[in-house]
Protein backbone atom coordinates (compact mmCIF):
# COMPACT_ATOMS: atom_id res chain seq x y z
CA UNK A 1 2.11 -23.62 -21.73
CA UNK A 2 -0.36 -26.40 -22.57
CA UNK A 3 1.55 -28.85 -20.35
CA UNK A 4 1.58 -26.32 -17.52
CA UNK A 5 -2.16 -25.70 -17.78
CA UNK A 6 -2.81 -29.45 -17.89
CA UNK A 7 -0.84 -29.95 -14.66
CA UNK A 8 -2.70 -27.07 -12.99
CA UNK A 9 -6.01 -28.63 -14.03
CA UNK A 10 -5.03 -32.18 -13.07
CA UNK A 11 -2.49 -31.94 -10.24
CA UNK A 12 -2.51 -35.63 -9.30
CA UNK A 13 -4.34 -35.01 -6.02
CA UNK A 14 -7.74 -33.73 -4.94
CA UNK A 15 -7.06 -29.99 -4.83
CA UNK A 16 -10.57 -29.13 -3.68
CA UNK A 17 -10.28 -31.58 -0.79
CA UNK A 18 -6.85 -30.20 0.15
CA UNK A 19 -8.15 -26.64 0.22
CA UNK A 20 -11.04 -27.69 2.45
CA UNK A 21 -8.45 -28.71 5.08
CA UNK A 22 -7.11 -25.14 5.48
CA UNK A 23 -9.27 -22.95 7.70
CA UNK A 24 -7.70 -19.65 6.58
CA UNK A 25 -9.60 -20.02 3.31
CA UNK A 26 -12.81 -19.58 5.28
CA UNK A 27 -11.84 -16.05 6.37
CA UNK A 28 -13.99 -13.24 5.12
CA UNK A 29 -12.20 -11.47 2.33
CA UNK A 30 -11.05 -13.92 1.11
CA UNK A 31 -7.26 -13.99 1.39
CA UNK A 32 -4.96 -15.19 -1.37
CA UNK A 33 -1.94 -16.38 0.57
CA UNK A 34 1.22 -16.28 -1.56
CA UNK A 35 3.84 -15.97 1.19
CA UNK A 36 4.55 -19.64 1.76
CA UNK A 37 8.33 -19.29 1.72
CA UNK A 38 7.96 -17.26 4.94
CA UNK A 39 5.63 -19.74 6.59
CA UNK A 40 2.94 -22.09 5.36
CA UNK A 41 -0.60 -22.40 6.60
CA UNK A 42 -1.55 -25.41 8.75
CA UNK A 43 -4.18 -27.98 7.80
CA UNK A 44 -6.87 -28.86 10.30
CA UNK A 45 -5.29 -32.29 10.81
CA UNK A 46 -2.12 -30.75 12.27
CA UNK A 47 -4.02 -28.36 14.53
CA UNK A 48 -6.34 -31.12 15.74
CA UNK A 49 -3.46 -33.50 16.50
CA UNK A 50 -1.66 -30.85 18.55
CA UNK A 51 -4.87 -30.05 20.38
CA UNK A 52 -5.32 -33.73 21.24
CA UNK A 53 -1.78 -33.92 22.55
CA UNK A 54 -2.30 -31.03 24.94
CA UNK A 55 -5.68 -32.40 26.00
CA UNK A 56 -4.83 -36.05 26.55
CA UNK A 57 -1.03 -36.61 26.52
CA UNK A 58 0.35 -33.53 28.25
CA UNK A 59 3.19 -34.54 30.53
CA UNK A 60 6.89 -33.78 30.75
CA UNK A 61 8.68 -36.24 28.44
CA UNK A 62 11.47 -38.47 29.76
CA UNK A 63 10.74 -37.43 33.36
CA UNK A 64 7.35 -38.21 34.82
CA UNK A 65 6.85 -41.70 36.25
CA UNK A 66 3.16 -41.59 35.44
CA UNK A 67 0.80 -42.22 32.55
CA UNK A 68 0.82 -38.72 31.07
CA UNK A 69 4.61 -38.49 31.27
CA UNK A 70 4.82 -41.81 29.48
CA UNK A 71 2.35 -40.61 26.85
CA UNK A 72 4.43 -37.50 26.18
CA UNK A 73 7.59 -39.58 25.94
CA UNK A 74 5.93 -41.94 23.49
CA UNK A 75 4.77 -38.96 21.39
CA UNK A 76 8.35 -37.64 21.29
CA UNK A 77 9.82 -41.01 20.36
CA UNK A 78 7.23 -41.63 17.64
CA UNK A 79 7.68 -38.14 16.18
CA UNK A 80 11.45 -38.56 15.99
CA UNK A 81 11.00 -41.89 14.23
CA UNK A 82 8.59 -40.26 11.76
CA UNK A 83 11.11 -37.55 10.88
CA UNK A 84 13.91 -40.11 10.54
CA UNK A 85 11.83 -42.14 8.11
CA UNK A 86 10.80 -39.02 6.18
CA UNK A 87 14.38 -38.02 5.33
CA UNK A 88 15.73 -41.62 5.45
CA UNK A 89 18.35 -41.18 8.14
CA UNK A 90 20.19 -44.32 9.23
CA UNK A 91 19.04 -43.93 12.81
CA UNK A 92 16.58 -41.95 14.90
CA UNK A 93 19.64 -40.93 16.95
CA UNK A 94 20.67 -38.68 14.04
CA UNK A 95 17.55 -36.51 14.41
CA UNK A 96 17.89 -33.52 16.76
CA UNK A 97 14.87 -31.36 17.48
CA UNK A 98 15.50 -27.60 17.53
CA UNK A 99 13.33 -24.49 17.47
CA UNK A 100 13.89 -23.92 13.74
CA UNK A 101 16.47 -24.22 10.95
CA UNK A 102 18.31 -21.16 12.26
CA UNK A 103 18.97 -22.81 15.62
CA UNK A 104 19.94 -26.04 13.87
CA UNK A 105 22.55 -24.22 11.76
CA UNK A 106 23.82 -22.34 14.82
CA UNK A 107 24.22 -25.68 16.60
CA UNK A 108 26.64 -26.77 13.88
CA UNK A 109 28.55 -23.49 14.12
CA UNK A 110 28.92 -23.50 17.91
CA UNK A 111 29.70 -27.19 18.29
CA UNK A 112 31.61 -28.30 15.20
CA UNK A 113 32.99 -25.10 13.65
CA UNK A 114 34.43 -23.40 16.72
CA UNK A 115 36.29 -26.57 17.71
CA UNK A 116 37.54 -27.59 14.27
CA UNK A 117 38.34 -24.46 12.22
CA UNK A 118 41.64 -22.60 12.43
CA UNK A 119 43.51 -19.80 10.62
CA UNK A 120 44.17 -20.70 7.00
CA UNK A 121 41.04 -22.86 6.68
CA UNK A 122 38.32 -21.88 4.23
CA UNK A 123 34.55 -21.76 4.79
CA UNK A 124 32.71 -21.84 1.46
CA UNK A 125 29.09 -20.65 1.21
CA UNK A 126 26.97 -19.25 -1.63
CA UNK A 127 25.94 -15.72 -2.53
CA UNK A 128 22.26 -16.59 -2.14
CA UNK A 129 22.33 -17.75 1.49
CA UNK A 130 19.69 -16.76 4.01
CA UNK A 131 21.25 -14.90 6.94
CA UNK A 132 20.76 -18.04 9.05
CA UNK A 133 23.38 -19.79 6.93
CA UNK A 134 25.52 -16.67 6.42
CA UNK A 135 25.93 -14.67 9.62
CA UNK A 136 26.75 -17.80 11.62
CA UNK A 137 29.66 -18.55 9.28
CA UNK A 138 30.83 -14.94 9.52
CA UNK A 139 30.89 -15.49 13.27
CA UNK A 140 32.82 -18.75 12.90
CA UNK A 141 35.38 -17.06 10.64
CA UNK A 142 35.84 -14.17 13.06
CA UNK A 143 36.29 -16.48 16.03
CA UNK A 144 38.62 -19.01 14.40
CA UNK A 145 40.56 -16.99 11.84
CA UNK A 146 39.21 -19.08 8.96
CA UNK A 147 38.51 -17.38 5.62
CA UNK A 148 34.90 -16.95 4.45
CA UNK A 149 34.52 -17.30 0.66
CA UNK A 150 31.51 -17.19 -1.66
CA UNK A 151 30.26 -19.18 -4.63
CA UNK A 152 28.75 -16.70 -7.09
CA UNK A 153 25.71 -16.94 -9.37
CA UNK A 154 25.29 -17.04 -13.13
CA UNK A 155 23.28 -14.53 -15.17
CA UNK A 156 20.32 -16.94 -14.91
CA UNK A 157 20.50 -16.86 -11.09
CA UNK A 158 21.90 -20.39 -10.97
CA UNK A 159 24.76 -21.40 -8.73
CA UNK A 160 27.96 -21.03 -10.77
CA UNK A 161 29.43 -24.53 -10.55
CA UNK A 162 32.56 -23.47 -12.43
CA UNK A 163 33.16 -20.81 -9.77
CA UNK A 164 32.60 -23.44 -7.08
CA UNK A 165 35.13 -25.80 -8.61
CA UNK A 166 37.67 -22.98 -8.95
CA UNK A 167 37.38 -21.95 -5.29
CA UNK A 168 37.22 -25.24 -3.43
CA UNK A 169 40.55 -26.67 -2.37
CA UNK A 170 42.19 -28.73 0.31
CA UNK A 171 41.92 -25.64 2.53
CA UNK A 172 38.13 -25.87 2.36
CA UNK A 173 36.91 -27.42 5.60
CA UNK A 174 33.19 -26.79 5.24
CA UNK A 175 30.78 -26.17 2.36
CA UNK A 176 27.48 -24.74 3.64
CA UNK A 177 24.74 -23.99 1.14
CA UNK A 178 21.03 -23.60 0.58
CA UNK A 179 19.41 -26.42 -1.36
CA UNK A 180 16.71 -23.98 -2.49
CA UNK A 181 16.85 -20.19 -2.39
CA UNK A 182 14.11 -18.48 -0.41
CA UNK A 183 14.28 -15.54 -2.84
CA UNK A 184 15.21 -16.75 -6.31
CA UNK A 185 13.79 -20.26 -6.19
CA UNK A 186 17.19 -21.51 -7.36
CA UNK A 187 17.72 -25.22 -6.65
CA UNK A 188 21.37 -26.12 -7.20
CA UNK A 189 22.56 -29.66 -7.79
CA UNK A 190 22.83 -30.61 -4.12
CA UNK A 191 24.21 -34.08 -4.75
CA UNK A 192 26.96 -32.76 -7.04
CA UNK A 193 27.93 -30.01 -4.59
CA UNK A 194 28.30 -32.58 -1.82
CA UNK A 195 30.21 -34.98 -4.05
CA UNK A 196 32.78 -32.32 -4.95
CA UNK A 197 33.08 -31.26 -1.30
CA UNK A 198 33.75 -34.85 -0.26
CA UNK A 199 36.51 -35.13 -2.86
CA UNK A 200 38.27 -32.30 -1.03
CA UNK A 201 37.57 -33.63 2.46
CA UNK A 202 35.16 -30.82 3.36
CA UNK A 203 32.22 -31.11 5.75
CA UNK A 204 28.84 -30.40 4.14
CA UNK A 205 26.00 -28.43 5.74
CA UNK A 206 22.71 -28.17 3.84
CA UNK A 207 20.08 -25.54 4.59
CA UNK A 208 17.01 -27.44 3.39
CA UNK A 209 14.33 -25.17 4.85
CA UNK A 210 13.02 -24.34 1.38
CA UNK A 211 13.58 -27.82 -0.05
CA UNK A 212 12.08 -30.34 2.35
CA UNK A 213 8.48 -29.06 1.97
CA UNK A 214 8.59 -29.43 -1.80
CA UNK A 215 10.80 -32.35 -2.86
CA UNK A 216 11.55 -35.76 -1.37
CA UNK A 217 14.88 -35.63 0.50
CA UNK A 218 17.02 -38.68 1.24
CA UNK A 219 20.00 -37.80 3.43
CA UNK A 220 21.72 -41.13 2.85
CA UNK A 221 21.51 -40.67 -0.89
CA UNK A 222 22.79 -37.10 -0.63
CA UNK A 223 25.55 -38.19 1.79
CA UNK A 224 25.44 -34.80 3.53
CA UNK A 225 26.99 -34.43 6.97
CA UNK A 226 24.35 -32.03 8.32
CA UNK A 227 20.94 -30.95 7.05
CA UNK A 228 18.59 -28.43 8.68
CA UNK A 229 14.93 -27.55 8.14
CA UNK A 230 12.01 -25.84 9.88
CA UNK A 231 8.58 -27.26 10.59
CA UNK A 232 6.68 -24.03 10.00
CA UNK A 233 7.59 -24.00 6.31
CA UNK A 234 6.04 -27.44 5.81
CA UNK A 235 2.58 -27.19 7.45
CA UNK A 236 3.86 -27.77 11.00
CA UNK A 237 3.68 -25.26 13.89
CA UNK A 238 6.03 -22.39 14.54
CA UNK A 239 8.92 -23.20 16.88
CA UNK A 240 9.93 -26.69 15.82
CA UNK A 241 12.87 -27.56 13.59
CA UNK A 242 15.26 -30.39 12.84
CA UNK A 243 18.97 -30.90 12.51
CA UNK A 244 20.06 -34.13 10.89
CA UNK A 245 23.68 -35.05 11.53
CA UNK A 246 25.70 -38.17 10.88
CA UNK A 247 26.05 -40.10 14.12
CA UNK A 248 29.81 -40.42 13.86
CA UNK A 249 30.12 -36.62 13.81
CA UNK A 250 27.48 -35.93 16.46
CA UNK A 251 29.18 -38.35 18.84
CA UNK A 252 32.44 -36.38 18.64
CA UNK A 253 31.18 -32.82 19.17
CA UNK A 254 30.28 -31.05 22.40
CA UNK A 255 26.76 -30.12 23.54
CA UNK A 256 25.21 -26.89 22.32
CA UNK A 257 23.27 -26.07 25.51
CA UNK A 258 23.49 -27.37 29.06
CA UNK A 259 20.80 -28.30 31.57
CA UNK A 260 18.19 -30.93 32.22
CA UNK A 261 17.93 -34.18 30.27
CA UNK A 262 21.14 -33.71 28.29
CA UNK A 263 23.32 -35.09 31.09
CA UNK A 264 24.33 -38.57 32.24
CA UNK A 265 26.08 -37.83 35.55
CA UNK A 266 26.77 -34.51 37.27
CA UNK A 267 29.59 -34.22 39.82
CA UNK A 268 30.67 -31.09 41.67
CA UNK A 269 33.30 -30.16 39.11
CA UNK A 270 32.44 -32.19 36.01
CA UNK A 271 29.63 -33.81 34.09
CA UNK A 272 29.14 -36.51 31.48
CA UNK A 273 26.49 -36.23 28.84
CA UNK A 274 23.63 -38.30 27.50
CA UNK A 275 23.89 -40.14 24.21
CA UNK A 276 22.77 -38.49 20.98
CA UNK A 277 20.32 -37.03 20.23
CA UNK A 278 19.51 -36.10 23.83
CA UNK A 279 22.98 -34.59 24.32
CA UNK A 280 21.77 -31.69 22.14
CA UNK A 281 18.26 -31.30 23.57
CA UNK A 282 18.59 -29.53 26.90
CA UNK A 283 15.47 -28.85 28.94
CA UNK A 284 11.83 -29.65 28.29
CA UNK A 285 11.24 -30.04 24.59
CA UNK A 286 8.34 -28.90 22.40
CA UNK A 287 6.55 -32.22 22.10
CA UNK A 288 3.40 -30.51 20.86
CA UNK A 289 5.45 -29.14 17.99
CA UNK A 290 6.97 -32.56 17.36
CA UNK A 291 3.60 -34.26 16.99
CA UNK A 292 2.48 -31.38 14.77
CA UNK A 293 5.54 -31.92 12.58
CA UNK A 294 4.94 -35.67 12.39
CA UNK A 295 1.33 -35.07 11.39
CA UNK A 296 2.40 -32.51 8.78
CA UNK A 297 4.75 -35.13 7.31
CA UNK A 298 1.86 -37.59 7.16
CA UNK A 299 -0.21 -34.98 5.34
CA UNK A 300 2.52 -34.17 2.81
CA UNK A 301 3.11 -37.82 2.05
CA UNK A 302 -0.62 -38.47 1.68
CA UNK A 303 -0.76 -35.76 -0.98
CA UNK A 304 2.51 -37.07 -2.45
CA UNK A 305 5.83 -35.24 -2.64
CA UNK A 306 6.09 -35.92 -6.38
CA UNK A 307 2.61 -34.51 -6.94
CA UNK A 308 3.48 -31.48 -4.83
CA UNK A 309 6.75 -30.80 -6.67
CA UNK A 310 5.18 -31.06 -10.12
CA UNK A 311 2.13 -28.95 -9.26
CA UNK A 312 4.11 -26.21 -7.52
CA UNK A 313 6.56 -26.09 -10.44
CA UNK A 314 3.59 -25.56 -12.77
CA UNK A 315 2.27 -22.77 -10.53
CA UNK A 316 5.66 -21.03 -10.59
CA UNK A 317 6.11 -21.43 -14.36
CA UNK A 318 2.62 -20.11 -15.02
CA UNK A 319 3.19 -17.14 -12.72
CA UNK A 320 6.52 -16.25 -14.35
CA UNK A 321 4.90 -16.40 -17.80
CA UNK A 322 2.14 -14.04 -16.65
CA UNK A 323 4.57 -11.66 -14.93
CA UNK A 324 6.63 -11.47 -18.11
CA UNK A 325 3.63 -9.96 -19.87
CA UNK A 326 3.62 -6.94 -17.55
CA UNK A 327 5.61 -3.82 -18.52
CA UNK A 328 8.44 -2.39 -16.41
CA UNK A 329 8.77 -5.40 -14.17
CA UNK A 330 12.01 -7.19 -13.29
CA UNK A 331 11.92 -10.89 -12.37
CA UNK A 332 14.68 -12.54 -10.34
CA UNK A 333 14.12 -16.24 -11.00
CA UNK A 334 15.94 -18.87 -13.10
CA UNK A 335 14.48 -19.64 -16.49
CA UNK A 336 16.37 -22.93 -16.87
CA UNK A 337 16.88 -25.98 -14.68
CA UNK A 338 15.01 -27.16 -11.61
CA UNK A 339 13.39 -24.26 -9.75
CA UNK A 340 11.52 -23.86 -6.49
CA UNK A 341 8.16 -22.08 -6.13
CA UNK A 342 9.59 -18.73 -4.96
CA UNK A 343 9.81 -15.78 -7.35
CA UNK A 344 11.30 -12.39 -6.56
CA UNK A 345 10.33 -9.39 -8.66
CA UNK A 346 10.16 -5.62 -8.63
CA UNK A 347 7.72 -3.20 -10.25
CA UNK A 348 9.97 -0.48 -11.59
CA UNK A 349 9.15 2.89 -10.04
CA UNK A 350 7.27 1.38 -7.10
CA UNK A 351 8.73 0.55 -3.71
CA UNK A 352 8.20 -3.13 -2.83
CA UNK A 353 6.41 -2.23 0.41
CA UNK A 354 3.96 -0.04 -1.53
CA UNK A 355 3.33 -2.91 -3.92
CA UNK A 356 2.70 -5.35 -1.07
CA UNK A 357 0.39 -2.88 0.71
CA UNK A 358 -1.74 -2.33 -2.37
CA UNK A 359 -1.92 -6.06 -3.03
CA UNK A 360 -2.99 -6.64 0.57
CA UNK A 361 -5.89 -4.26 -0.06
CA UNK A 362 -6.93 -6.72 -2.78
CA UNK A 363 -6.60 -9.63 -0.36
CA UNK A 364 -3.31 -10.84 -1.86
CA UNK A 365 -0.58 -11.61 0.69
CA UNK A 366 3.02 -11.46 -0.60
CA UNK A 367 6.38 -10.57 0.94
CA UNK A 368 8.33 -7.32 0.60
CA UNK A 369 11.84 -6.64 1.90
CA UNK A 370 15.28 -8.19 1.67
CA UNK A 371 14.00 -11.58 2.87
CA UNK A 372 16.98 -12.04 5.22
CA UNK A 373 19.35 -12.03 2.22
CA UNK A 374 21.03 -8.62 2.18
CA UNK A 375 24.23 -9.84 0.42
CA UNK A 376 22.10 -11.41 -2.32
CA UNK A 377 20.14 -8.20 -2.76
CA UNK A 378 23.35 -6.21 -3.10
CA UNK A 379 24.28 -8.66 -5.87
CA UNK A 380 20.89 -8.00 -7.49
CA UNK A 381 21.44 -4.24 -7.17
CA UNK A 382 18.26 -3.85 -5.13
CA UNK A 383 17.66 -2.85 -1.53
CA UNK A 384 14.53 -4.99 -1.45
CA UNK A 385 12.21 -7.00 -3.66
CA UNK A 386 8.71 -8.39 -3.72
CA UNK A 387 8.39 -12.14 -3.45
CA UNK A 388 5.55 -14.44 -4.31
CA UNK A 389 5.84 -18.06 -3.17
CA UNK A 390 3.50 -20.99 -3.62
CA UNK A 391 2.30 -24.08 -1.81
CA UNK A 392 0.27 -26.94 -3.21
CA UNK A 393 -2.99 -25.46 -1.87
CA UNK A 394 -2.64 -22.43 -4.16
CA UNK A 395 -4.40 -22.30 -7.54
CA UNK A 396 -4.12 -20.87 -11.03
CA UNK A 397 -7.14 -18.69 -10.26
CA UNK A 398 -5.29 -17.14 -7.33
CA UNK A 399 -2.37 -16.30 -9.60
CA UNK A 400 -4.77 -14.69 -12.07
CA UNK A 401 -6.20 -12.51 -9.30
CA UNK A 402 -2.67 -11.62 -8.18
CA UNK A 403 -1.79 -10.51 -11.72
CA UNK A 404 -5.00 -8.45 -11.92
CA UNK A 405 -4.10 -6.76 -8.64
CA UNK A 406 -0.63 -5.91 -10.01
CA UNK A 407 -2.33 -3.97 -12.79
CA UNK A 408 -4.06 -1.92 -10.09
CA UNK A 409 -0.68 -1.27 -8.48
CA UNK A 410 0.46 0.36 -11.70
CA UNK A 411 -2.69 2.48 -11.86
CA UNK A 412 -2.52 3.65 -8.24
CA UNK A 413 1.20 4.41 -8.51
CA UNK A 414 0.55 6.17 -11.85
CA UNK A 415 3.15 4.08 -13.64
CA UNK A 416 1.51 4.30 -17.04
């Protein structure tokens, strides 16, 4: 515990300065925001940059033959380059802008899966997947006749690698998995999962929505085929996401949507399509969101991804230790290995929505529900859970107030 407290006291960045960048902390109340796995708050720098774009650079990118159109195009190009550098893709052409990680994962399903899977093939996903990386593969299996199989979890809520190795085979055509659970905080060995998949000739699809905001990601080092993430979980605005895909795969698959800017030539009965990434970006794109995402990346890297990972891990470890002191409380979070800053729990005898409502009365914002992971919750034997999730602008003091408020939950619910 001493090492945890030392990291919380000396996080490697100016925590007070960071917190001054987030306007929500100025609200009357105040609010203790512990729902970062759902969406993060935005620093003033991101909001200001987006405001400047709409004030001074607002044109339709790739279209207008005028100064503002050129400014918008430049903003799009620069933002794509910033994302490519952030995840170390070989080329900016491998970065496709989407609305969110869900759309990015659907793009893979509709373009690659429907054209490449057939009866007898296996799709392998994990028990802890978010519905965005679960329902789409159900759909692919139903449409193609492929079999959908699941990698199970250990008693410590880790991905069961022995189960993975026993289920993958030459029939396995795609391995799609979350690099960090939005419920458990589980962070499986992404590199090893991909390595094993490659040995069997399987395509790899990584849902990195809960990973990219917290740990440095290098897609070339991972050697994944596809990787998806959302801007709104990493300080950027709602409605912007990214799909990374290897160029050699993207060049072979069909467009996801059809319309303006994704075409090369249109004849009466046929069309040819633009080069990647534009082939997958039909219509006017959210350039304001792109510049917000690029600015969010700048902010994260200024704080330091290593600093963020270490500090958030200390927040989560401290919170788990405090939760373990409370009676009649179940915690769904690994105790060993690398873990993300999301912790699911239940107060026995209290419905999660009642817990969240009482905490909100105390100014503490957490999540209650199944968190878009109904199959995982069936595995846990729970219809729903509470979830607390941290970002690097949270503090030990906020966790202490959260724990105090949980005591009040027990009193109000007359749980002893």
